[in-house]
Amino acid sequence: MPWYLFIAFIFILGFTTFAIQNAQQITLHFLGWQIASFPLVMLLVFSVLLGAGTTLLFSLPKQIKIAGRNREANDRILQLEKELVLAKANKNQ
């Protein structure tokens, strides 16, 4: 099992345990709004999803850049392999 899946499993297990133990209702205040009897578990889930989404959003440009570099490298590899085949064919003649 890759190490990051193990870390994700431990995180999910810890989060689930924490959420189950903190299932009480709270009053949520945000920018003048007030929501009475809001489940703390829902606030925790929303916070985790918001954090994961933000992380994904900020890492996307780097992932796109890396994918472009990989594509360029693969194209260069194919070009060099074709040149190698041609060089071997010319050498054998």
PDB file of N, CA and C in Angstrom:
ATOM      1  N   MET A   1       0.855  -1.178   0.000  1.00  0.00           N
ATOM      2  CA  MET A   1       0.000   0.000   0.000  1.00  0.00           C
ATOM      3  C   MET A   1       0.899   1.238   0.000  1.00  0.00           C
ATOM      4  N   PRO A   2       0.667   2.177  -0.930  1.00  0.00           N
ATOM      5  CA  PRO A   2       1.479   3.400  -0.940  1.00  0.00           C
ATOM      6  C   PRO A   2       1.321   4.176   0.365  1.00  0.00           C
ATOM      7  N   TRP A   3       2.375   4.868   0.731  1.00  0.00           N
ATOM      8  CA  TRP A   3       2.395   5.570   2.021  1.00  0.00           C
ATOM      9  C   TRP A   3       1.312   6.635   2.118  1.00  0.00           C
ATOM     10  N   TYR A   4       0.982   7.317   1.009  1.00  0.00           N
ATOM     11  CA  TYR A   4      -0.008   8.386   1.095  1.00  0.00           C
ATOM     12  C   TYR A   4      -1.410   7.834   1.343  1.00  0.00           C
ATOM     13  N   LEU A   5      -1.696   6.614   0.882  1.00  0.00           N
ATOM     14  CA  LEU A   5      -2.985   6.006   1.194  1.00  0.00           C
ATOM     15  C   LEU A   5      -3.071   5.652   2.671  1.00  0.00           C
ATOM     16  N   PHE A   6      -1.957   5.209   3.229  1.00  0.00           N
ATOM     17  CA  PHE A   6      -1.920   4.913   4.661  1.00  0.00           C
ATOM     18  C   PHE A   6      -2.161   6.187   5.471  1.00  0.00           C
ATOM     19  N   ILE A   7      -1.514   7.282   5.083  1.00  0.00           N
ATOM     20  CA  ILE A   7      -1.707   8.567   5.772  1.00  0.00           C
ATOM     21  C   ILE A   7      -3.160   9.018   5.632  1.00  0.00           C
ATOM     22  N   ALA A   8      -3.738   8.885   4.440  1.00  0.00           N
ATOM     23  CA  ALA A   8      -5.136   9.273   4.216  1.00  0.00           C
ATOM     24  C   ALA A   8      -6.069   8.428   5.077  1.00  0.00           C
ATOM     25  N   PHE A   9      -5.790   7.130   5.163  1.00  0.00           N
ATOM     26  CA  PHE A   9      -6.618   6.251   5.989  1.00  0.00           C
ATOM     27  C   PHE A   9      -6.561   6.671   7.454  1.00  0.00           C
ATOM     28  N   ILE A  10      -5.376   6.961   7.960  1.00  0.00           N
ATOM     29  CA  ILE A  10      -5.225   7.395   9.357  1.00  0.00           C
ATOM     30  C   ILE A  10      -5.971   8.712   9.582  1.00  0.00           C
ATOM     31  N   PHE A  11      -5.864   9.639   8.630  1.00  0.00           N
ATOM     32  CA  PHE A  11      -6.559  10.926   8.749  1.00  0.00           C
ATOM     33  C   PHE A  11      -8.073  10.721   8.775  1.00  0.00           C
ATOM     34  N   ILE A  12      -8.587   9.897   7.877  1.00  0.00           N
ATOM     35  CA  ILE A  12     -10.037   9.654   7.814  1.00  0.00           C
ATOM     36  C   ILE A  12     -10.518   8.958   9.086  1.00  0.00           C
ATOM     37  N   LEU A  13      -9.747   8.013   9.576  1.00  0.00           N
ATOM     38  CA  LEU A  13     -10.102   7.324  10.815  1.00  0.00           C
ATOM     39  C   LEU A  13     -10.136   8.299  11.991  1.00  0.00           C
ATOM     40  N   GLY A  14      -9.122   9.152  12.093  1.00  0.00           N
ATOM     41  CA  GLY A  14      -9.095  10.151  13.166  1.00  0.00           C
ATOM     42  C   GLY A  14     -10.228  11.154  13.044  1.00  0.00           C
ATOM     43  N   PHE A  15     -10.499  11.613  11.821  1.00  0.00           N
ATOM     44  CA  PHE A  15     -11.579  12.569  11.611  1.00  0.00           C
ATOM     45  C   PHE A  15     -12.925  11.954  11.959  1.00  0.00           C
ATOM     46  N   THR A  16     -13.142  10.709  11.549  1.00  0.00           N
ATOM     47  CA  THR A  16     -14.406  10.040  11.836  1.00  0.00           C
ATOM     48  C   THR A  16     -14.598   9.866  13.336  1.00  0.00           C
ATOM     49  N   THR A  17     -13.550   9.460  14.022  1.00  0.00           N
ATOM     50  CA  THR A  17     -13.623   9.300  15.479  1.00  0.00           C
ATOM     51  C   THR A  17     -13.939  10.634  16.147  1.00  0.00           C
ATOM     52  N   PHE A  18     -13.260  11.695  15.724  1.00  0.00           N
ATOM     53  CA  PHE A  18     -13.497  13.024  16.283  1.00  0.00           C
ATOM     54  C   PHE A  18     -14.931  13.486  16.009  1.00  0.00           C
ATOM     55  N   ALA A  19     -15.416  13.248  14.793  1.00  0.00           N
ATOM     56  CA  ALA A  19     -16.761  13.681  14.422  1.00  0.00           C
ATOM     57  C   ALA A  19     -17.827  12.939  15.231  1.00  0.00           C
ATOM     58  N   ILE A  20     -17.641  11.649  15.439  1.00  0.00           N
ATOM     59  CA  ILE A  20     -18.618  10.868  16.200  1.00  0.00           C
ATOM     60  C   ILE A  20     -18.667  11.332  17.654  1.00  0.00           C
ATOM     61  N   GLN A  21     -17.513  11.669  18.205  1.00  0.00           N
ATOM     62  CA  GLN A  21     -17.464  12.088  19.603  1.00  0.00           C
ATOM     63  C   GLN A  21     -17.930  13.531  19.792  1.00  0.00           C
ATOM     64  N   ASN A  22     -18.072  14.298  18.726  1.00  0.00           N
ATOM     65  CA  ASN A  22     -18.502  15.693  18.815  1.00  0.00           C
ATOM     66  C   ASN A  22     -19.746  15.910  17.960  1.00  0.00           C
ATOM     67  N   ALA A  23     -20.785  15.136  18.216  1.00  0.00           N
ATOM     68  CA  ALA A  23     -21.996  15.166  17.402  1.00  0.00           C
ATOM     69  C   ALA A  23     -23.048  16.136  17.944  1.00  0.00           C
ATOM     70  N   GLN A  24     -22.723  16.946  18.932  1.00  0.00           N
ATOM     71  CA  GLN A  24     -23.719  17.820  19.539  1.00  0.00           C
ATOM     72  C   GLN A  24     -24.120  18.966  18.600  1.00  0.00           C
ATOM     73  N   GLN A  25     -25.222  19.581  18.933  1.00  0.00           N
ATOM     74  CA  GLN A  25     -25.733  20.715  18.165  1.00  0.00           C
ATOM     75  C   GLN A  25     -25.083  22.004  18.681  1.00  0.00           C
ATOM     76  N   ILE A  26     -24.789  22.920  17.764  1.00  0.00           N
ATOM     77  CA  ILE A  26     -24.195  24.200  18.143  1.00  0.00           C
ATOM     78  C   ILE A  26     -24.981  25.325  17.482  1.00  0.00           C
ATOM     79  N   THR A  27     -24.763  26.548  17.960  1.00  0.00           N
ATOM     80  CA  THR A  27     -25.300  27.726  17.300  1.00  0.00           C
ATOM     81  C   THR A  27     -24.159  28.340  16.516  1.00  0.00           C
ATOM     82  N   LEU A  28     -24.362  28.460  15.219  1.00  0.00           N
ATOM     83  CA  LEU A  28     -23.319  28.941  14.323  1.00  0.00           C
ATOM     84  C   LEU A  28     -23.547  30.421  14.039  1.00  0.00           C
ATOM     85  N   HIS A  29     -22.506  31.236  14.247  1.00  0.00           N
ATOM     86  CA  HIS A  29     -22.554  32.665  13.957  1.00  0.00           C
ATOM     87  C   HIS A  29     -21.540  32.969  12.870  1.00  0.00           C
ATOM     88  N   PHE A  30     -21.992  33.660  11.805  1.00  0.00           N
ATOM     89  CA  PHE A  30     -21.086  34.022  10.725  1.00  0.00           C
ATOM     90  C   PHE A  30     -21.588  35.292  10.053  1.00  0.00           C
ATOM     91  N   LEU A  31     -20.784  36.357  10.132  1.00  0.00           N
ATOM     92  CA  LEU A  31     -21.082  37.636   9.484  1.00  0.00           C
ATOM     93  C   LEU A  31     -22.505  38.129   9.731  1.00  0.00           C
ATOM     94  N   GLY A  32     -22.923  38.071  10.952  1.00  0.00           N
ATOM     95  CA  GLY A  32     -24.249  38.549  11.312  1.00  0.00           C
ATOM     96  C   GLY A  32     -25.345  37.515  11.154  1.00  0.00           C
ATOM     97  N   TRP A  33     -25.067  36.419  10.508  1.00  0.00           N
ATOM     98  CA  TRP A  33     -26.049  35.346  10.387  1.00  0.00           C
ATOM     99  C   TRP A  33     -25.940  34.442  11.595  1.00  0.00           C
ATOM    100  N   GLN A  34     -27.043  33.818  11.926  1.00  0.00           N
ATOM    101  CA  GLN A  34     -27.042  32.891  13.053  1.00  0.00           C
ATOM    102  C   GLN A  34     -27.878  31.683  12.674  1.00  0.00           C
ATOM    103  N   ILE A  35     -27.298  30.523  12.836  1.00  0.00           N
ATOM    104  CA  ILE A  35     -27.998  29.265  12.576  1.00  0.00           C
ATOM    105  C   ILE A  35     -28.032  28.492  13.886  1.00  0.00           C
ATOM    106  N   ALA A  36     -29.227  28.312  14.407  1.00  0.00           N
ATOM    107  CA  ALA A  36     -29.383  27.585  15.662  1.00  0.00           C
ATOM    108  C   ALA A  36     -29.474  26.090  15.368  1.00  0.00           C
ATOM    109  N   SER A  37     -29.027  25.299  16.283  1.00  0.00           N
ATOM    110  CA  SER A  37     -29.071  23.841  16.199  1.00  0.00           C
ATOM    111  C   SER A  37     -28.398  23.312  14.941  1.00  0.00           C
ATOM    112  N   PHE A  38     -27.181  23.745  14.705  1.00  0.00           N
ATOM    113  CA  PHE A  38     -26.396  23.270  13.571  1.00  0.00           C
ATOM    114  C   PHE A  38     -25.495  22.145  14.063  1.00  0.00           C
ATOM    115  N   PRO A  39     -25.496  20.991  13.400  1.00  0.00           N
ATOM    116  CA  PRO A  39     -24.653  19.879  13.866  1.00  0.00           C
ATOM    117  C   PRO A  39     -23.160  20.200  13.701  1.00  0.00           C
ATOM    118  N   LEU A  40     -22.404  20.020  14.744  1.00  0.00           N
ATOM    119  CA  LEU A  40     -20.965  20.265  14.711  1.00  0.00           C
ATOM    120  C   LEU A  40     -20.287  19.379  13.669  1.00  0.00           C
ATOM    121  N   VAL A  41     -20.806  18.171  13.485  1.00  0.00           N
ATOM    122  CA  VAL A  41     -20.243  17.244  12.495  1.00  0.00           C
ATOM    123  C   VAL A  41     -20.312  17.861  11.099  1.00  0.00           C
ATOM    124  N   MET A  42     -21.411  18.512  10.768  1.00  0.00           N
ATOM    125  CA  MET A  42     -21.555  19.132   9.448  1.00  0.00           C
ATOM    126  C   MET A  42     -20.550  20.272   9.273  1.00  0.00           C
ATOM    127  N   LEU A  43     -20.310  21.037  10.330  1.00  0.00           N
ATOM    128  CA  LEU A  43     -19.318  22.102  10.265  1.00  0.00           C
ATOM    129  C   LEU A  43     -17.924  21.522  10.028  1.00  0.00           C
ATOM    130  N   LEU A  44     -17.625  20.423  10.688  1.00  0.00           N
ATOM    131  CA  LEU A  44     -16.333  19.767  10.504  1.00  0.00           C
ATOM    132  C   LEU A  44     -16.185  19.233   9.087  1.00  0.00           C
ATOM    133  N   VAL A  45     -17.209  18.577   8.569  1.00  0.00           N
ATOM    134  CA  VAL A  45     -17.158  18.038   7.204  1.00  0.00           C
ATOM    135  C   VAL A  45     -16.986  19.176   6.204  1.00  0.00           C
ATOM    136  N   PHE A  46     -17.747  20.245   6.371  1.00  0.00           N
ATOM    137  CA  PHE A  46     -17.635  21.399   5.477  1.00  0.00           C
ATOM    138  C   PHE A  46     -16.228  21.992   5.528  1.00  0.00           C
ATOM    139  N   SER A  47     -15.669  22.105   6.712  1.00  0.00           N
ATOM    140  CA  SER A  47     -14.323  22.667   6.855  1.00  0.00           C
ATOM    141  C   SER A  47     -13.271  21.797   6.171  1.00  0.00           C
ATOM    142  N   VAL A  48     -13.373  20.494   6.331  1.00  0.00           N
ATOM    143  CA  VAL A  48     -12.417  19.579   5.693  1.00  0.00           C
ATOM    144  C   VAL A  48     -12.552  19.653   4.172  1.00  0.00           C
ATOM    145  N   LEU A  49     -13.779  19.656   3.667  1.00  0.00           N
ATOM    146  CA  LEU A  49     -13.989  19.736   2.220  1.00  0.00           C
ATOM    147  C   LEU A  49     -13.514  21.071   1.660  1.00  0.00           C
ATOM    148  N   LEU A  50     -13.737  22.147   2.390  1.00  0.00           N
ATOM    149  CA  LEU A  50     -13.268  23.461   1.953  1.00  0.00           C
ATOM    150  C   LEU A  50     -11.737  23.498   1.919  1.00  0.00           C
ATOM    151  N   GLY A  51     -11.097  22.919   2.912  1.00  0.00           N
ATOM    152  CA  GLY A  51      -9.636  22.855   2.939  1.00  0.00           C
ATOM    153  C   GLY A  51      -9.082  22.011   1.801  1.00  0.00           C
ATOM    154  N   ALA A  52      -9.705  20.872   1.545  1.00  0.00           N
ATOM    155  CA  ALA A  52      -9.260  20.001   0.449  1.00  0.00           C
ATOM    156  C   ALA A  52      -9.457  20.693  -0.896  1.00  0.00           C
ATOM    157  N   GLY A  53     -10.584  21.363  -1.069  1.00  0.00           N
ATOM    158  CA  GLY A  53     -10.843  22.074  -2.319  1.00  0.00           C
ATOM    159  C   GLY A  53      -9.877  23.214  -2.544  1.00  0.00           C
ATOM    160  N   THR A  54      -9.562  23.951  -1.494  1.00  0.00           N
ATOM    161  CA  THR A  54      -8.605  25.051  -1.595  1.00  0.00           C
ATOM    162  C   THR A  54      -7.218  24.528  -1.946  1.00  0.00           C
ATOM    163  N   THR A  55      -6.823  23.439  -1.314  1.00  0.00           N
ATOM    164  CA  THR A  55      -5.527  22.835  -1.613  1.00  0.00           C
ATOM    165  C   THR A  55      -5.458  22.390  -3.068  1.00  0.00           C
ATOM    166  N   LEU A  56      -6.515  21.751  -3.539  1.00  0.00           N
ATOM    167  CA  LEU A  56      -6.573  21.319  -4.935  1.00  0.00           C
ATOM    168  C   LEU A  56      -6.495  22.513  -5.880  1.00  0.00           C
ATOM    169  N   LEU A  57      -7.227  23.560  -5.564  1.00  0.00           N
ATOM    170  CA  LEU A  57      -7.252  24.753  -6.410  1.00  0.00           C
ATOM    171  C   LEU A  57      -5.875  25.387  -6.526  1.00  0.00           C
ATOM    172  N   PHE A  58      -5.157  25.486  -5.416  1.00  0.00           N
ATOM    173  CA  PHE A  58      -3.838  26.114  -5.438  1.00  0.00           C
ATOM    174  C   PHE A  58      -2.754  25.209  -6.019  1.00  0.00           C
ATOM    175  N   SER A  59      -2.968  23.897  -6.006  1.00  0.00           N
ATOM    176  CA  SER A  59      -1.963  22.994  -6.573  1.00  0.00           C
ATOM    177  C   SER A  59      -2.193  22.723  -8.056  1.00  0.00           C
ATOM    178  N   LEU A  60      -3.339  23.095  -8.578  1.00  0.00           N
ATOM    179  CA  LEU A  60      -3.670  22.821  -9.975  1.00  0.00           C
ATOM    180  C   LEU A  60      -2.700  23.441 -10.977  1.00  0.00           C
ATOM    181  N   PRO A  61      -2.312  24.721 -10.840  1.00  0.00           N
ATOM    182  CA  PRO A  61      -1.363  25.280 -11.820  1.00  0.00           C
ATOM    183  C   PRO A  61      -0.039  24.513 -11.881  1.00  0.00           C
ATOM    184  N   LYS A  62       0.468  24.099 -10.735  1.00  0.00           N
ATOM    185  CA  LYS A  62       1.723  23.350 -10.721  1.00  0.00           C
ATOM    186  C   LYS A  62       1.541  21.987 -11.391  1.00  0.00           C
ATOM    187  N   GLN A  63       0.410  21.329 -11.142  1.00  0.00           N
ATOM    188  CA  GLN A  63       0.154  20.034 -11.763  1.00  0.00           C
ATOM    189  C   GLN A  63       0.041  20.164 -13.275  1.00  0.00           C
ATOM    190  N   ILE A  64      -0.577  21.235 -13.746  1.00  0.00           N
ATOM    191  CA  ILE A  64      -0.693  21.471 -15.187  1.00  0.00           C
ATOM    192  C   ILE A  64       0.687  21.700 -15.794  1.00  0.00           C
ATOM    193  N   LYS A  65       1.532  22.465 -15.088  1.00  0.00           N
ATOM    194  CA  LYS A  65       2.890  22.729 -15.557  1.00  0.00           C
ATOM    195  C   LYS A  65       3.703  21.433 -15.643  1.00  0.00           C
ATOM    196  N   ILE A  66       3.583  20.598 -14.625  1.00  0.00           N
ATOM    197  CA  ILE A  66       4.298  19.319 -14.606  1.00  0.00           C
ATOM    198  C   ILE A  66       3.817  18.419 -15.740  1.00  0.00           C
ATOM    199  N   ALA A  67       2.512  18.393 -15.976  1.00  0.00           N
ATOM    200  CA  ALA A  67       1.972  17.573 -17.065  1.00  0.00           C
ATOM    201  C   ALA A  67       2.504  18.053 -18.414  1.00  0.00           C
ATOM    202  N   GLY A  68       2.624  19.360 -18.592  1.00  0.00           N
ATOM    203  CA  GLY A  68       3.184  19.901 -19.832  1.00  0.00           C
ATOM    204  C   GLY A  68       4.639  19.503 -20.016  1.00  0.00           C
ATOM    205  N   ARG A  69       5.414  19.577 -18.950  1.00  0.00           N
ATOM    206  CA  ARG A  69       6.820  19.158 -19.027  1.00  0.00           C
ATOM    207  C   ARG A  69       6.935  17.678 -19.359  1.00  0.00           C
ATOM    208  N   ASN A  70       6.086  16.861 -18.754  1.00  0.00           N
ATOM    209  CA  ASN A  70       6.102  15.424 -19.045  1.00  0.00           C
ATOM    210  C   ASN A  70       5.766  15.156 -20.506  1.00  0.00           C
ATOM    211  N   ARG A  71       4.786  15.865 -21.027  1.00  0.00           N
ATOM    212  CA  ARG A  71       4.404  15.698 -22.432  1.00  0.00           C
ATOM    213  C   ARG A  71       5.562  16.079 -23.343  1.00  0.00           C
ATOM    214  N   GLU A  72       6.234  17.202 -23.041  1.00  0.00           N
ATOM    215  CA  GLU A  72       7.389  17.621 -23.841  1.00  0.00           C
ATOM    216  C   GLU A  72       8.514  16.592 -23.769  1.00  0.00           C
ATOM    217  N   ALA A  73       8.770  16.067 -22.581  1.00  0.00           N
ATOM    218  CA  ALA A  73       9.823  15.067 -22.413  1.00  0.00           C
ATOM    219  C   ALA A  73       9.493  13.791 -23.193  1.00  0.00           C
ATOM    220  N   ASN A  74       8.240  13.367 -23.145  1.00  0.00           N
ATOM    221  CA  ASN A  74       7.841  12.169 -23.892  1.00  0.00           C
ATOM    222  C   ASN A  74       7.969  12.385 -25.397  1.00  0.00           C
ATOM    223  N   ASP A  75       7.599  13.575 -25.856  1.00  0.00           N
ATOM    224  CA  ASP A  75       7.765  13.886 -27.279  1.00  0.00           C
ATOM    225  C   ASP A  75       9.240  13.843 -27.668  1.00  0.00           C
ATOM    226  N   ARG A  76      10.109  14.376 -26.818  1.00  0.00           N
ATOM    227  CA  ARG A  76      11.550  14.377 -27.083  1.00  0.00           C
ATOM    228  C   ARG A  76      12.099  12.944 -27.096  1.00  0.00           C
ATOM    229  N   ILE A  77      11.620  12.115 -26.186  1.00  0.00           N
ATOM    230  CA  ILE A  77      12.045  10.710 -26.140  1.00  0.00           C
ATOM    231  C   ILE A  77      11.670  10.006 -27.441  1.00  0.00           C
ATOM    232  N   LEU A  78      10.434  10.210 -27.903  1.00  0.00           N
ATOM    233  CA  LEU A  78      10.008   9.591 -29.161  1.00  0.00           C
ATOM    234  C   LEU A  78      10.869  10.059 -30.328  1.00  0.00           C
ATOM    235  N   GLN A  79      11.186  11.348 -30.351  1.00  0.00           N
ATOM    236  CA  GLN A  79      12.032  11.894 -31.419  1.00  0.00           C
ATOM    237  C   GLN A  79      13.421  11.255 -31.389  1.00  0.00           C
ATOM    238  N   LEU A  80      14.008  11.147 -30.204  1.00  0.00           N
ATOM    239  CA  LEU A  80      15.336  10.556 -30.078  1.00  0.00           C
ATOM    240  C   LEU A  80      15.328   9.065 -30.427  1.00  0.00           C
ATOM    241  N   GLU A  81      14.262   8.359 -30.083  1.00  0.00           N
ATOM    242  CA  GLU A  81      14.171   6.942 -30.442  1.00  0.00           C
ATOM    243  C   GLU A  81      14.115   6.776 -31.958  1.00  0.00           C
ATOM    244  N   LYS A  82      13.368   7.648 -32.638  1.00  0.00           N
ATOM    245  CA  LYS A  82      13.318   7.590 -34.102  1.00  0.00           C
ATOM    246  C   LYS A  82      14.691   7.867 -34.707  1.00  0.00           C
ATOM    247  N   GLU A  83      15.393   8.853 -34.147  1.00  0.00           N
ATOM    248  CA  GLU A  83      16.738   9.163 -34.632  1.00  0.00           C
ATOM    249  C   GLU A  83      17.686   7.995 -34.409  1.00  0.00           C
ATOM    250  N   LEU A  84      17.537   7.307 -33.283  1.00  0.00           N
ATOM    251  CA  LEU A  84      18.387   6.143 -32.979  1.00  0.00           C
ATOM    252  C   LEU A  84      18.135   5.016 -33.984  1.00  0.00           C
ATOM    253  N   VAL A  85      16.879   4.770 -34.280  1.00  0.00           N
ATOM    254  CA  VAL A  85      16.547   3.729 -35.264  1.00  0.00           C
ATOM    255  C   VAL A  85      17.156   4.084 -36.622  1.00  0.00           C
ATOM    256  N   LEU A  86      17.039   5.350 -37.032  1.00  0.00           N
ATOM    257  CA  LEU A  86      17.612   5.778 -38.309  1.00  0.00           C
ATOM    258  C   LEU A  86      19.140   5.653 -38.298  1.00  0.00           C
ATOM    259  N   ALA A  87      19.777   6.019 -37.180  1.00  0.00           N
ATOM    260  CA  ALA A  87      21.227   5.935 -37.069  1.00  0.00           C
ATOM    261  C   ALA A  87      21.695   4.483 -37.151  1.00  0.00           C
ATOM    262  N   LYS A  88      20.960   3.568 -36.496  1.00  0.00           N
ATOM    263  CA  LYS A  88      21.320   2.152 -36.558  1.00  0.00           C
ATOM    264  C   LYS A  88      21.125   1.603 -37.970  1.00  0.00           C
ATOM    265  N   ALA A  89      20.069   2.054 -38.629  1.00  0.00           N
ATOM    266  CA  ALA A  89      19.821   1.598 -40.005  1.00  0.00           C
ATOM    267  C   ALA A  89      20.920   2.091 -40.942  1.00  0.00           C
ATOM    268  N   ASN A  90      21.361   3.328 -40.779  1.00  0.00           N
ATOM    269  CA  ASN A  90      22.442   3.877 -41.611  1.00  0.00           C
ATOM    270  C   ASN A  90      23.771   3.189 -41.327  1.00  0.00           C
ATOM    271  N   LYS A  91      23.982   2.810 -40.076  1.00  0.00           N
ATOM    272  CA  LYS A  91      25.236   2.150 -39.700  1.00  0.00           C
ATOM    273  C   LYS A  91      25.319   0.745 -40.294  1.00  0.00           C
ATOM    274  N   ASN A  92      24.201   0.062 -40.372  1.00  0.00           N
ATOM    275  CA  ASN A  92      24.154  -1.304 -40.903  1.00  0.00           C
ATOM    276  C   ASN A  92      24.270  -1.354 -42.415  1.00  0.00           C
ATOM    277  N   GLN A  93      24.129  -0.251 -43.087  1.00  0.00           N
ATOM    278  CA  GLN A  93      24.200  -0.243 -44.552  1.00  0.00           C
ATOM    279  C   GLN A  93      25.614  -0.228 -45.051  1.00  0.00           C
TER     280      GLN A  93
END
